[in-house]
Amino acid sequence: MRLQYPTNVEIIRVPCTGRVDIIHLLKALEDGADGVYVAGCEEGDCHYLTGNLKARKRVVYVQKVLEDLGVEKERVAMYNLSAAQGPRFVEIAKEFTAIVTALGPSPFKKHRAKAA
């Protein structure tokens, strides 16, 4: 549809959101992402039956871990939409980007030593 979403949104495609694991979400934050969201099928409409439900549980778990660490749980989110909802995907990308921008940089960003 050639819709425009924020340029700082990096899309990583997976066959099913059920493939997104807790470590993937945490690693993205550690590697410098200020926030991570999972965009999956609408509940009850997963080709793999329960993939999106598994993903939601993992997102909720990571949110709890972030809270336990004193970090905003809003840095990780899950959204459900169908593949035909391109405009909704753009809205979500803009909404989530605004939320994360308001939170500021991730406290997990690795401090890289500058080359001498």
PDB file of N, CA and C in Angstrom:
ATOM      1  N   MET A   1       0.804  -1.196   0.000  1.00  0.00           N
ATOM      2  CA  MET A   1       0.000   0.000   0.000  1.00  0.00           C
ATOM      3  C   MET A   1       0.850   1.264   0.000  1.00  0.00           C
ATOM      4  N   ARG A   2       2.144   1.108   0.176  1.00  0.00           N
ATOM      5  CA  ARG A   2       3.085   2.226   0.202  1.00  0.00           C
ATOM      6  C   ARG A   2       2.733   3.280   1.251  1.00  0.00           C
ATOM      7  N   LEU A   3       2.258   2.834   2.381  1.00  0.00           N
ATOM      8  CA  LEU A   3       1.937   3.734   3.479  1.00  0.00           C
ATOM      9  C   LEU A   3       3.217   4.094   4.218  1.00  0.00           C
ATOM     10  N   GLN A   4       3.287   5.290   4.738  1.00  0.00           N
ATOM     11  CA  GLN A   4       4.481   5.763   5.422  1.00  0.00           C
ATOM     12  C   GLN A   4       4.342   5.607   6.930  1.00  0.00           C
ATOM     13  N   TYR A   5       5.298   4.931   7.537  1.00  0.00           N
ATOM     14  CA  TYR A   5       5.363   4.813   8.987  1.00  0.00           C
ATOM     15  C   TYR A   5       6.723   5.366   9.425  1.00  0.00           C
ATOM     16  N   PRO A   6       6.910   5.651  10.702  1.00  0.00           N
ATOM     17  CA  PRO A   6       8.172   6.258  11.150  1.00  0.00           C
ATOM     18  C   PRO A   6       9.395   5.463  10.687  1.00  0.00           C
ATOM     19  N   THR A   7      10.403   6.173  10.264  1.00  0.00           N
ATOM     20  CA  THR A   7      11.606   5.532   9.713  1.00  0.00           C
ATOM     21  C   THR A   7      12.413   4.785  10.777  1.00  0.00           C
ATOM     22  N   ASN A   8      12.179   5.094  12.037  1.00  0.00           N
ATOM     23  CA  ASN A   8      12.923   4.393  13.085  1.00  0.00           C
ATOM     24  C   ASN A   8      12.271   3.077  13.501  1.00  0.00           C
ATOM     25  N   VAL A   9      11.162   2.714  12.857  1.00  0.00           N
ATOM     26  CA  VAL A   9      10.515   1.423  13.104  1.00  0.00           C
ATOM     27  C   VAL A   9      11.181   0.389  12.208  1.00  0.00           C
ATOM     28  N   GLU A  10      11.747  -0.629  12.832  1.00  0.00           N
ATOM     29  CA  GLU A  10      12.386  -1.717  12.083  1.00  0.00           C
ATOM     30  C   GLU A  10      11.487  -2.941  12.140  1.00  0.00           C
ATOM     31  N   ILE A  11      11.100  -3.420  10.983  1.00  0.00           N
ATOM     32  CA  ILE A  11      10.204  -4.572  10.915  1.00  0.00           C
ATOM     33  C   ILE A  11      11.029  -5.852  10.780  1.00  0.00           C
ATOM     34  N   ILE A  12      10.733  -6.799  11.638  1.00  0.00           N
ATOM     35  CA  ILE A  12      11.352  -8.122  11.565  1.00  0.00           C
ATOM     36  C   ILE A  12      10.215  -9.107  11.362  1.00  0.00           C
ATOM     37  N   ARG A  13      10.169  -9.711  10.204  1.00  0.00           N
ATOM     38  CA  ARG A  13       9.079 -10.618   9.863  1.00  0.00           C
ATOM     39  C   ARG A  13       9.362 -12.027  10.387  1.00  0.00           C
ATOM     40  N   VAL A  14       8.327 -12.624  10.927  1.00  0.00           N
ATOM     41  CA  VAL A  14       8.383 -14.008  11.382  1.00  0.00           C
ATOM     42  C   VAL A  14       7.144 -14.719  10.845  1.00  0.00           C
ATOM     43  N   PRO A  15       7.208 -16.048  10.664  1.00  0.00           N
ATOM     44  CA  PRO A  15       6.050 -16.765  10.134  1.00  0.00           C
ATOM     45  C   PRO A  15       4.811 -16.612  11.006  1.00  0.00           C
ATOM     46  N   CYS A  16       5.035 -16.468  12.312  1.00  0.00           N
ATOM     47  CA  CYS A  16       3.942 -16.351  13.266  1.00  0.00           C
ATOM     48  C   CYS A  16       4.497 -15.664  14.507  1.00  0.00           C
ATOM     49  N   THR A  17       3.695 -14.828  15.147  1.00  0.00           N
ATOM     50  CA  THR A  17       4.178 -14.164  16.355  1.00  0.00           C
ATOM     51  C   THR A  17       4.484 -15.163  17.463  1.00  0.00           C
ATOM     52  N   GLY A  18       3.951 -16.375  17.345  1.00  0.00           N
ATOM     53  CA  GLY A  18       4.272 -17.422  18.299  1.00  0.00           C
ATOM     54  C   GLY A  18       5.752 -17.773  18.291  1.00  0.00           C
ATOM     55  N   ARG A  19       6.461 -17.368  17.239  1.00  0.00           N
ATOM     56  CA  ARG A  19       7.911 -17.614  17.148  1.00  0.00           C
ATOM     57  C   ARG A  19       8.718 -16.575  17.917  1.00  0.00           C
ATOM     58  N   VAL A  20       8.080 -15.475  18.306  1.00  0.00           N
ATOM     59  CA  VAL A  20       8.769 -14.432  19.054  1.00  0.00           C
ATOM     60  C   VAL A  20       8.918 -14.907  20.496  1.00  0.00           C
ATOM     61  N   ASP A  21      10.157 -14.994  20.938  1.00  0.00           N
ATOM     62  CA  ASP A  21      10.443 -15.502  22.270  1.00  0.00           C
ATOM     63  C   ASP A  21      10.815 -14.355  23.199  1.00  0.00           C
ATOM     64  N   ILE A  22      10.778 -14.618  24.462  1.00  0.00           N
ATOM     65  CA  ILE A  22      11.143 -13.647  25.480  1.00  0.00           C
ATOM     66  C   ILE A  22      12.542 -13.103  25.216  1.00  0.00           C
ATOM     67  N   ILE A  23      13.459 -13.965  24.887  1.00  0.00           N
ATOM     68  CA  ILE A  23      14.849 -13.543  24.665  1.00  0.00           C
ATOM     69  C   ILE A  23      14.951 -12.579  23.493  1.00  0.00           C
ATOM     70  N   HIS A  24      14.104 -12.736  22.463  1.00  0.00           N
ATOM     71  CA  HIS A  24      14.130 -11.818  21.324  1.00  0.00           C
ATOM     72  C   HIS A  24      13.747 -10.403  21.758  1.00  0.00           C
ATOM     73  N   LEU A  25      12.736 -10.304  22.599  1.00  0.00           N
ATOM     74  CA  LEU A  25      12.277  -8.999  23.070  1.00  0.00           C
ATOM     75  C   LEU A  25      13.340  -8.334  23.944  1.00  0.00           C
ATOM     76  N   LEU A  26      13.896  -9.102  24.866  1.00  0.00           N
ATOM     77  CA  LEU A  26      14.925  -8.558  25.757  1.00  0.00           C
ATOM     78  C   LEU A  26      16.204  -8.204  25.003  1.00  0.00           C
ATOM     79  N   LYS A  27      16.578  -9.034  24.045  1.00  0.00           N
ATOM     80  CA  LYS A  27      17.792  -8.788  23.257  1.00  0.00           C
ATOM     81  C   LYS A  27      17.645  -7.518  22.422  1.00  0.00           C
ATOM     82  N   ALA A  28      16.456  -7.287  21.874  1.00  0.00           N
ATOM     83  CA  ALA A  28      16.230  -6.061  21.104  1.00  0.00           C
ATOM     84  C   ALA A  28      16.454  -4.830  21.970  1.00  0.00           C
ATOM     85  N   LEU A  29      15.970  -4.873  23.202  1.00  0.00           N
ATOM     86  CA  LEU A  29      16.183  -3.750  24.130  1.00  0.00           C
ATOM     87  C   LEU A  29      17.663  -3.609  24.469  1.00  0.00           C
ATOM     88  N   GLU A  30      18.309  -4.721  24.724  1.00  0.00           N
ATOM     89  CA  GLU A  30      19.737  -4.691  25.054  1.00  0.00           C
ATOM     90  C   GLU A  30      20.559  -4.146  23.883  1.00  0.00           C
ATOM     91  N   ASP A  31      20.149  -4.467  22.683  1.00  0.00           N
ATOM     92  CA  ASP A  31      20.888  -4.033  21.490  1.00  0.00           C
ATOM     93  C   ASP A  31      20.599  -2.600  21.078  1.00  0.00           C
ATOM     94  N   GLY A  32      19.764  -1.909  21.850  1.00  0.00           N
ATOM     95  CA  GLY A  32      19.592  -0.490  21.582  1.00  0.00           C
ATOM     96  C   GLY A  32      18.196  -0.022  21.226  1.00  0.00           C
ATOM     97  N   ALA A  33      17.245  -0.932  21.088  1.00  0.00           N
ATOM     98  CA  ALA A  33      15.877  -0.492  20.805  1.00  0.00           C
ATOM     99  C   ALA A  33      15.315   0.195  22.044  1.00  0.00           C
ATOM    100  N   ASP A  34      14.663   1.323  21.839  1.00  0.00           N
ATOM    101  CA  ASP A  34      14.032   2.026  22.955  1.00  0.00           C
ATOM    102  C   ASP A  34      12.700   1.391  23.317  1.00  0.00           C
ATOM    103  N   GLY A  35      12.141   0.620  22.391  1.00  0.00           N
ATOM    104  CA  GLY A  35      10.887  -0.074  22.616  1.00  0.00           C
ATOM    105  C   GLY A  35      10.702  -1.147  21.570  1.00  0.00           C
ATOM    106  N   VAL A  36       9.873  -2.125  21.889  1.00  0.00           N
ATOM    107  CA  VAL A  36       9.612  -3.240  20.975  1.00  0.00           C
ATOM    108  C   VAL A  36       8.130  -3.557  21.019  1.00  0.00           C
ATOM    109  N   TYR A  37       7.524  -3.688  19.854  1.00  0.00           N
ATOM    110  CA  TYR A  37       6.141  -4.157  19.849  1.00  0.00           C
ATOM    111  C   TYR A  37       5.987  -5.295  18.866  1.00  0.00           C
ATOM    112  N   VAL A  38       5.044  -6.156  19.187  1.00  0.00           N
ATOM    113  CA  VAL A  38       4.735  -7.318  18.363  1.00  0.00           C
ATOM    114  C   VAL A  38       3.373  -7.057  17.727  1.00  0.00           C
ATOM    115  N   ALA A  39       3.311  -7.151  16.417  1.00  0.00           N
ATOM    116  CA  ALA A  39       2.047  -6.973  15.693  1.00  0.00           C
ATOM    117  C   ALA A  39       1.635  -8.344  15.164  1.00  0.00           C
ATOM    118  N   GLY A  40       0.586  -8.893  15.734  1.00  0.00           N
ATOM    119  CA  GLY A  40       0.169 -10.240  15.369  1.00  0.00           C
ATOM    120  C   GLY A  40      -1.259 -10.298  14.883  1.00  0.00           C
ATOM    121  N   CYS A  41      -1.647 -11.468  14.478  1.00  0.00           N
ATOM    122  CA  CYS A  41      -3.015 -11.707  14.005  1.00  0.00           C
ATOM    123  C   CYS A  41      -4.021 -11.347  15.087  1.00  0.00           C
ATOM    124  N   GLU A  42      -5.234 -11.129  14.650  1.00  0.00           N
ATOM    125  CA  GLU A  42      -6.301 -10.884  15.612  1.00  0.00           C
ATOM    126  C   GLU A  42      -6.517 -12.156  16.412  1.00  0.00           C
ATOM    127  N   GLU A  43      -6.855 -11.995  17.687  1.00  0.00           N
ATOM    128  CA  GLU A  43      -7.063 -13.165  18.547  1.00  0.00           C
ATOM    129  C   GLU A  43      -8.166 -14.038  17.968  1.00  0.00           C
ATOM    130  N   GLY A  44      -7.912 -15.339  17.956  1.00  0.00           N
ATOM    131  CA  GLY A  44      -8.861 -16.292  17.397  1.00  0.00           C
ATOM    132  C   GLY A  44      -8.716 -16.473  15.899  1.00  0.00           C
ATOM    133  N   ASP A  45      -7.760 -15.767  15.299  1.00  0.00           N
ATOM    134  CA  ASP A  45      -7.598 -15.830  13.843  1.00  0.00           C
ATOM    135  C   ASP A  45      -6.164 -16.181  13.448  1.00  0.00           C
ATOM    136  N   CYS A  46      -5.484 -16.936  14.288  1.00  0.00           N
ATOM    137  CA  CYS A  46      -4.097 -17.315  14.024  1.00  0.00           C
ATOM    138  C   CYS A  46      -4.048 -18.556  13.141  1.00  0.00           C
ATOM    139  N   HIS A  47      -3.297 -18.469  12.063  1.00  0.00           N
ATOM    140  CA  HIS A  47      -3.130 -19.614  11.167  1.00  0.00           C
ATOM    141  C   HIS A  47      -2.538 -20.810  11.916  1.00  0.00           C
ATOM    142  N   TYR A  48      -1.695 -20.520  12.893  1.00  0.00           N
ATOM    143  CA  TYR A  48      -1.066 -21.576  13.693  1.00  0.00           C
ATOM    144  C   TYR A  48      -1.835 -21.823  14.997  1.00  0.00           C
ATOM    145  N   LEU A  49      -3.069 -21.389  15.047  1.00  0.00           N
ATOM    146  CA  LEU A  49      -4.028 -21.601  16.127  1.00  0.00           C
ATOM    147  C   LEU A  49      -3.798 -20.746  17.363  1.00  0.00           C
ATOM    148  N   THR A  50      -2.664 -20.925  18.038  1.00  0.00           N
ATOM    149  CA  THR A  50      -2.453 -20.216  19.303  1.00  0.00           C
ATOM    150  C   THR A  50      -1.175 -19.378  19.331  1.00  0.00           C
ATOM    151  N   GLY A  51      -0.558 -19.169  18.199  1.00  0.00           N
ATOM    152  CA  GLY A  51       0.703 -18.424  18.167  1.00  0.00           C
ATOM    153  C   GLY A  51       0.592 -17.036  18.758  1.00  0.00           C
ATOM    154  N   ASN A  52      -0.464 -16.314  18.388  1.00  0.00           N
ATOM    155  CA  ASN A  52      -0.604 -14.950  18.895  1.00  0.00           C
ATOM    156  C   ASN A  52      -0.913 -14.928  20.391  1.00  0.00           C
ATOM    157  N   LEU A  53      -1.571 -15.958  20.893  1.00  0.00           N
ATOM    158  CA  LEU A  53      -1.842 -16.039  22.328  1.00  0.00           C
ATOM    159  C   LEU A  53      -0.549 -16.291  23.103  1.00  0.00           C
ATOM    160  N   LYS A  54       0.312 -17.139  22.546  1.00  0.00           N
ATOM    161  CA  LYS A  54       1.619 -17.390  23.173  1.00  0.00           C
ATOM    162  C   LYS A  54       2.455 -16.113  23.185  1.00  0.00           C
ATOM    163  N   ALA A  55       2.410 -15.394  22.066  1.00  0.00           N
ATOM    164  CA  ALA A  55       3.175 -14.147  21.976  1.00  0.00           C
ATOM    165  C   ALA A  55       2.689 -13.142  23.019  1.00  0.00           C
ATOM    166  N   ARG A  56       1.382 -13.017  23.174  1.00  0.00           N
ATOM    167  CA  ARG A  56       0.833 -12.071  24.160  1.00  0.00           C
ATOM    168  C   ARG A  56       1.321 -12.432  25.560  1.00  0.00           C
ATOM    169  N   LYS A  57       1.318 -13.730  25.905  1.00  0.00           N
ATOM    170  CA  LYS A  57       1.791 -14.150  27.231  1.00  0.00           C
ATOM    171  C   LYS A  57       3.259 -13.776  27.423  1.00  0.00           C
ATOM    172  N   ARG A  58       4.041 -13.917  26.370  1.00  0.00           N
ATOM    173  CA  ARG A  58       5.468 -13.589  26.458  1.00  0.00           C
ATOM    174  C   ARG A  58       5.673 -12.088  26.613  1.00  0.00           C
ATOM    175  N   VAL A  59       4.890 -11.306  25.902  1.00  0.00           N
ATOM    176  CA  VAL A  59       4.974  -9.848  26.028  1.00  0.00           C
ATOM    177  C   VAL A  59       4.605  -9.429  27.450  1.00  0.00           C
ATOM    178  N   VAL A  60       3.536  -9.986  27.991  1.00  0.00           N
ATOM    179  CA  VAL A  60       3.128  -9.669  29.366  1.00  0.00           C
ATOM    180  C   VAL A  60       4.225 -10.059  30.351  1.00  0.00           C
ATOM    181  N   TYR A  61       4.857 -11.202  30.126  1.00  0.00           N
ATOM    182  CA  TYR A  61       5.954 -11.641  30.994  1.00  0.00           C
ATOM    183  C   TYR A  61       7.112 -10.636  30.953  1.00  0.00           C
ATOM    184  N   VAL A  62       7.488 -10.209  29.756  1.00  0.00           N
ATOM    185  CA  VAL A  62       8.592  -9.253  29.627  1.00  0.00           C
ATOM    186  C   VAL A  62       8.211  -7.917  30.272  1.00  0.00           C
ATOM    187  N   GLN A  63       6.963  -7.508  30.137  1.00  0.00           N
ATOM    188  CA  GLN A  63       6.514  -6.283  30.810  1.00  0.00           C
ATOM    189  C   GLN A  63       6.701  -6.404  32.321  1.00  0.00           C
ATOM    190  N   LYS A  64       6.395  -7.564  32.867  1.00  0.00           N
ATOM    191  CA  LYS A  64       6.564  -7.804  34.306  1.00  0.00           C
ATOM    192  C   LYS A  64       8.042  -7.752  34.691  1.00  0.00           C
ATOM    193  N   VAL A  65       8.885  -8.348  33.868  1.00  0.00           N
ATOM    194  CA  VAL A  65      10.331  -8.319  34.121  1.00  0.00           C
ATOM    195  C   VAL A  65      10.822  -6.872  34.124  1.00  0.00           C
ATOM    196  N   LEU A  66      10.370  -6.079  33.154  1.00  0.00           N
ATOM    197  CA  LEU A  66      10.783  -4.681  33.101  1.00  0.00           C
ATOM    198  C   LEU A  66      10.354  -3.934  34.354  1.00  0.00           C
ATOM    199  N   GLU A  67       9.112  -4.155  34.771  1.00  0.00           N
ATOM    200  CA  GLU A  67       8.631  -3.510  36.002  1.00  0.00           C
ATOM    201  C   GLU A  67       9.489  -3.903  37.193  1.00  0.00           C
ATOM    202  N   ASP A  68       9.839  -5.192  37.285  1.00  0.00           N
ATOM    203  CA  ASP A  68      10.672  -5.662  38.391  1.00  0.00           C
ATOM    204  C   ASP A  68      12.050  -5.002  38.382  1.00  0.00           C
ATOM    205  N   LEU A  69      12.509  -4.605  37.186  1.00  0.00           N
ATOM    206  CA  LEU A  69      13.804  -3.942  37.049  1.00  0.00           C
ATOM    207  C   LEU A  69      13.695  -2.427  37.204  1.00  0.00           C
ATOM    208  N   GLY A  70      12.479  -1.936  37.401  1.00  0.00           N
ATOM    209  CA  GLY A  70      12.285  -0.500  37.550  1.00  0.00           C
ATOM    210  C   GLY A  70      12.243   0.249  36.228  1.00  0.00           C
ATOM    211  N   VAL A  71      11.912  -0.463  35.164  1.00  0.00           N
ATOM    212  CA  VAL A  71      11.840   0.119  33.824  1.00  0.00           C
ATOM    213  C   VAL A  71      10.381   0.127  33.377  1.00  0.00           C
ATOM    214  N   GLU A  72      10.023   1.120  32.589  1.00  0.00           N
ATOM    215  CA  GLU A  72       8.646   1.261  32.128  1.00  0.00           C
ATOM    216  C   GLU A  72       8.217   0.051  31.299  1.00  0.00           C
ATOM    217  N   LYS A  73       7.110  -0.571  31.691  1.00  0.00           N
ATOM    218  CA  LYS A  73       6.615  -1.738  30.969  1.00  0.00           C
ATOM    219  C   LYS A  73       6.086  -1.348  29.590  1.00  0.00           C
ATOM    220  N   GLU A  74       5.791  -0.071  29.382  1.00  0.00           N
ATOM    221  CA  GLU A  74       5.267   0.390  28.102  1.00  0.00           C
ATOM    222  C   GLU A  74       6.290   0.305  26.974  1.00  0.00           C
ATOM    223  N   ARG A  75       7.519  -0.024  27.299  1.00  0.00           N
ATOM    224  CA  ARG A  75       8.548  -0.184  26.265  1.00  0.00           C
ATOM    225  C   ARG A  75       8.325  -1.445  25.426  1.00  0.00           C
ATOM    226  N   VAL A  76       7.454  -2.321  25.903  1.00  0.00           N
ATOM    227  CA  VAL A  76       7.136  -3.559  25.172  1.00  0.00           C
ATOM    228  C   VAL A  76       5.619  -3.659  25.083  1.00  0.00           C
ATOM    229  N   ALA A  77       5.121  -3.974  23.889  1.00  0.00           N
ATOM    230  CA  ALA A  77       3.673  -4.038  23.695  1.00  0.00           C
ATOM    231  C   ALA A  77       3.317  -5.082  22.640  1.00  0.00           C
ATOM    232  N   MET A  78       2.038  -5.433  22.636  1.00  0.00           N
ATOM    233  CA  MET A  78       1.497  -6.369  21.639  1.00  0.00           C
ATOM    234  C   MET A  78       0.241  -5.752  21.064  1.00  0.00           C
ATOM    235  N   TYR A  79       0.137  -5.804  19.751  1.00  0.00           N
ATOM    236  CA  TYR A  79      -1.041  -5.322  19.047  1.00  0.00           C
ATOM    237  C   TYR A  79      -1.558  -6.434  18.147  1.00  0.00           C
ATOM    238  N   ASN A  80      -2.870  -6.524  18.034  1.00  0.00           N
ATOM    239  CA  ASN A  80      -3.484  -7.523  17.165  1.00  0.00           C
ATOM    240  C   ASN A  80      -4.222  -6.811  16.034  1.00  0.00           C
ATOM    241  N   LEU A  81      -3.930  -7.230  14.815  1.00  0.00           N
ATOM    242  CA  LEU A  81      -4.591  -6.680  13.643  1.00  0.00           C
ATOM    243  C   LEU A  81      -4.449  -7.665  12.494  1.00  0.00           C
ATOM    244  N   SER A  82      -5.281  -7.513  11.496  1.00  0.00           N
ATOM    245  CA  SER A  82      -5.193  -8.428  10.355  1.00  0.00           C
ATOM    246  C   SER A  82      -4.211  -7.873   9.330  1.00  0.00           C
ATOM    247  N   ALA A  83      -3.764  -8.724   8.440  1.00  0.00           N
ATOM    248  CA  ALA A  83      -2.818  -8.314   7.406  1.00  0.00           C
ATOM    249  C   ALA A  83      -3.423  -7.274   6.467  1.00  0.00           C
ATOM    250  N   ALA A  84      -4.731  -7.200   6.404  1.00  0.00           N
ATOM    251  CA  ALA A  84      -5.419  -6.243   5.533  1.00  0.00           C
ATOM    252  C   ALA A  84      -5.529  -4.854   6.158  1.00  0.00           C
ATOM    253  N   GLN A  85      -5.064  -4.690   7.378  1.00  0.00           N
ATOM    254  CA  GLN A  85      -5.207  -3.416   8.082  1.00  0.00           C
ATOM    255  C   GLN A  85      -3.927  -2.580   8.009  1.00  0.00           C
ATOM    256  N   GLY A  86      -3.444  -2.336   6.810  1.00  0.00           N
ATOM    257  CA  GLY A  86      -2.243  -1.530   6.621  1.00  0.00           C
ATOM    258  C   GLY A  86      -2.323  -0.168   7.289  1.00  0.00           C
ATOM    259  N   PRO A  87      -3.407   0.588   7.085  1.00  0.00           N
ATOM    260  CA  PRO A  87      -3.510   1.895   7.738  1.00  0.00           C
ATOM    261  C   PRO A  87      -3.461   1.783   9.267  1.00  0.00           C
ATOM    262  N   ARG A  88      -4.042   0.738   9.819  1.00  0.00           N
ATOM    263  CA  ARG A  88      -3.998   0.538  11.276  1.00  0.00           C
ATOM    264  C   ARG A  88      -2.566   0.256  11.722  1.00  0.00           C
ATOM    265  N   PHE A  89      -1.817  -0.489  10.920  1.00  0.00           N
ATOM    266  CA  PHE A  89      -0.416  -0.756  11.247  1.00  0.00           C
ATOM    267  C   PHE A  89       0.356   0.559  11.338  1.00  0.00           C
ATOM    268  N   VAL A  90       0.108   1.464  10.405  1.00  0.00           N
ATOM    269  CA  VAL A  90       0.779   2.765  10.419  1.00  0.00           C
ATOM    270  C   VAL A  90       0.387   3.556  11.666  1.00  0.00           C
ATOM    271  N   GLU A  91      -0.888   3.534  12.031  1.00  0.00           N
ATOM    272  CA  GLU A  91      -1.340   4.211  13.254  1.00  0.00           C
ATOM    273  C   GLU A  91      -0.617   3.660  14.477  1.00  0.00           C
ATOM    274  N   ILE A  92      -0.538   2.339  14.550  1.00  0.00           N
ATOM    275  CA  ILE A  92       0.135   1.698  15.688  1.00  0.00           C
ATOM    276  C   ILE A  92       1.599   2.100  15.734  1.00  0.00           C
ATOM    277  N   ALA A  93       2.262   2.087  14.588  1.00  0.00           N
ATOM    278  CA  ALA A  93       3.677   2.462  14.529  1.00  0.00           C
ATOM    279  C   ALA A  93       3.868   3.885  15.039  1.00  0.00           C
ATOM    280  N   LYS A  94       2.994   4.797  14.623  1.00  0.00           N
ATOM    281  CA  LYS A  94       3.098   6.187  15.068  1.00  0.00           C
ATOM    282  C   LYS A  94       2.782   6.318  16.556  1.00  0.00           C
ATOM    283  N   GLU A  95       1.733   5.633  17.020  1.00  0.00           N
ATOM    284  CA  GLU A  95       1.354   5.688  18.433  1.00  0.00           C
ATOM    285  C   GLU A  95       2.477   5.151  19.323  1.00  0.00           C
ATOM    286  N   PHE A  96       3.009   3.989  18.953  1.00  0.00           N
ATOM    287  CA  PHE A  96       4.046   3.365  19.773  1.00  0.00           C
ATOM    288  C   PHE A  96       5.320   4.210  19.758  1.00  0.00           C
ATOM    289  N   THR A  97       5.659   4.758  18.612  1.00  0.00           N
ATOM    290  CA  THR A  97       6.835   5.614  18.516  1.00  0.00           C
ATOM    291  C   THR A  97       6.680   6.830  19.430  1.00  0.00           C
ATOM    292  N   ALA A  98       5.494   7.409  19.472  1.00  0.00           N
ATOM    293  CA  ALA A  98       5.247   8.559  20.352  1.00  0.00           C
ATOM    294  C   ALA A  98       5.381   8.167  21.818  1.00  0.00           C
ATOM    295  N   ILE A  99       4.853   7.009  22.174  1.00  0.00           N
ATOM    296  CA  ILE A  99       4.953   6.527  23.563  1.00  0.00           C
ATOM    297  C   ILE A  99       6.409   6.352  23.960  1.00  0.00           C
ATOM    298  N   VAL A 100       7.166   5.680  23.111  1.00  0.00           N
ATOM    299  CA  VAL A 100       8.569   5.385  23.423  1.00  0.00           C
ATOM    300  C   VAL A 100       9.411   6.660  23.420  1.00  0.00           C
ATOM    301  N   THR A 101       9.120   7.564  22.510  1.00  0.00           N
ATOM    302  CA  THR A 101       9.846   8.838  22.481  1.00  0.00           C
ATOM    303  C   THR A 101       9.636   9.595  23.785  1.00  0.00           C
ATOM    304  N   ALA A 102       8.405   9.593  24.279  1.00  0.00           N
ATOM    305  CA  ALA A 102       8.101  10.265  25.546  1.00  0.00           C
ATOM    306  C   ALA A 102       8.833   9.618  26.722  1.00  0.00           C
ATOM    307  N   LEU A 103       9.068   8.305  26.646  1.00  0.00           N
ATOM    308  CA  LEU A 103       9.782   7.597  27.716  1.00  0.00           C
ATOM    309  C   LEU A 103      11.268   7.927  27.710  1.00  0.00           C
ATOM    310  N   GLY A 104      11.798   8.268  26.556  1.00  0.00           N
ATOM    311  CA  GLY A 104      13.220   8.575  26.436  1.00  0.00           C
ATOM    312  C   GLY A 104      14.028   7.339  26.064  1.00  0.00           C
ATOM    313  N   PRO A 105      15.332   7.498  25.963  1.00  0.00           N
ATOM    314  CA  PRO A 105      16.203   6.395  25.562  1.00  0.00           C
ATOM    315  C   PRO A 105      16.136   5.215  26.524  1.00  0.00           C
ATOM    316  N   SER A 106      16.340   4.049  25.991  1.00  0.00           N
ATOM    317  CA  SER A 106      16.329   2.834  26.793  1.00  0.00           C
ATOM    318  C   SER A 106      17.492   2.829  27.777  1.00  0.00           C
ATOM    319  N   PRO A 107      17.234   2.437  29.007  1.00  0.00           N
ATOM    320  CA  PRO A 107      18.332   2.338  29.976  1.00  0.00           C
ATOM    321  C   PRO A 107      19.226   1.126  29.712  1.00  0.00           C
ATOM    322  N   PHE A 108      18.838   0.283  28.780  1.00  0.00           N
ATOM    323  CA  PHE A 108      19.612  -0.928  28.494  1.00  0.00           C
ATOM    324  C   PHE A 108      20.624  -0.758  27.372  1.00  0.00           C
ATOM    325  N   LYS A 109      20.626   0.369  26.715  1.00  0.00           N
ATOM    326  CA  LYS A 109      21.537   0.549  25.585  1.00  0.00           C
ATOM    327  C   LYS A 109      22.961   0.298  26.031  1.00  0.00           C
ATOM    328  N   LYS A 110      23.650  -0.467  25.226  1.00  0.00           N
ATOM    329  CA  LYS A 110      25.045  -0.762  25.531  1.00  0.00           C
ATOM    330  C   LYS A 110      25.873   0.504  25.300  1.00  0.00           C
ATOM    331  N   HIS A 111      26.788   0.753  26.183  1.00  0.00           N
ATOM    332  CA  HIS A 111      27.690   1.881  26.008  1.00  0.00           C
ATOM    333  C   HIS A 111      28.873   1.375  25.199  1.00  0.00           C
ATOM    334  N   ARG A 112      28.990   1.893  24.009  1.00  0.00           N
ATOM    335  CA  ARG A 112      30.047   1.440  23.128  1.00  0.00           C
ATOM    336  C   ARG A 112      31.267   2.377  23.288  1.00  0.00           C
ATOM    337  N   ALA A 113      32.399   1.757  23.442  1.00  0.00           N
ATOM    338  CA  ALA A 113      33.628   2.549  23.563  1.00  0.00           C
ATOM    339  C   ALA A 113      33.958   3.166  22.210  1.00  0.00           C
ATOM    340  N   LYS A 114      34.331   4.422  22.252  1.00  0.00           N
ATOM    341  CA  LYS A 114      34.697   5.111  20.998  1.00  0.00           C
ATOM    342  C   LYS A 114      36.088   4.658  20.591  1.00  0.00           C
ATOM    343  N   ALA A 115      36.260   4.500  19.258  1.00  0.00           N
ATOM    344  CA  ALA A 115      37.566   4.093  18.743  1.00  0.00           C
ATOM    345  C   ALA A 115      38.562   5.250  18.923  1.00  0.00           C
ATOM    346  N   ALA A 116      39.762   4.906  19.283  1.00  0.00           N
ATOM    347  CA  ALA A 116      40.783   5.934  19.508  1.00  0.00           C
ATOM    348  C   ALA A 116      41.414   6.384  18.231  1.00  0.00           C
TER     349      ALA A 116
END
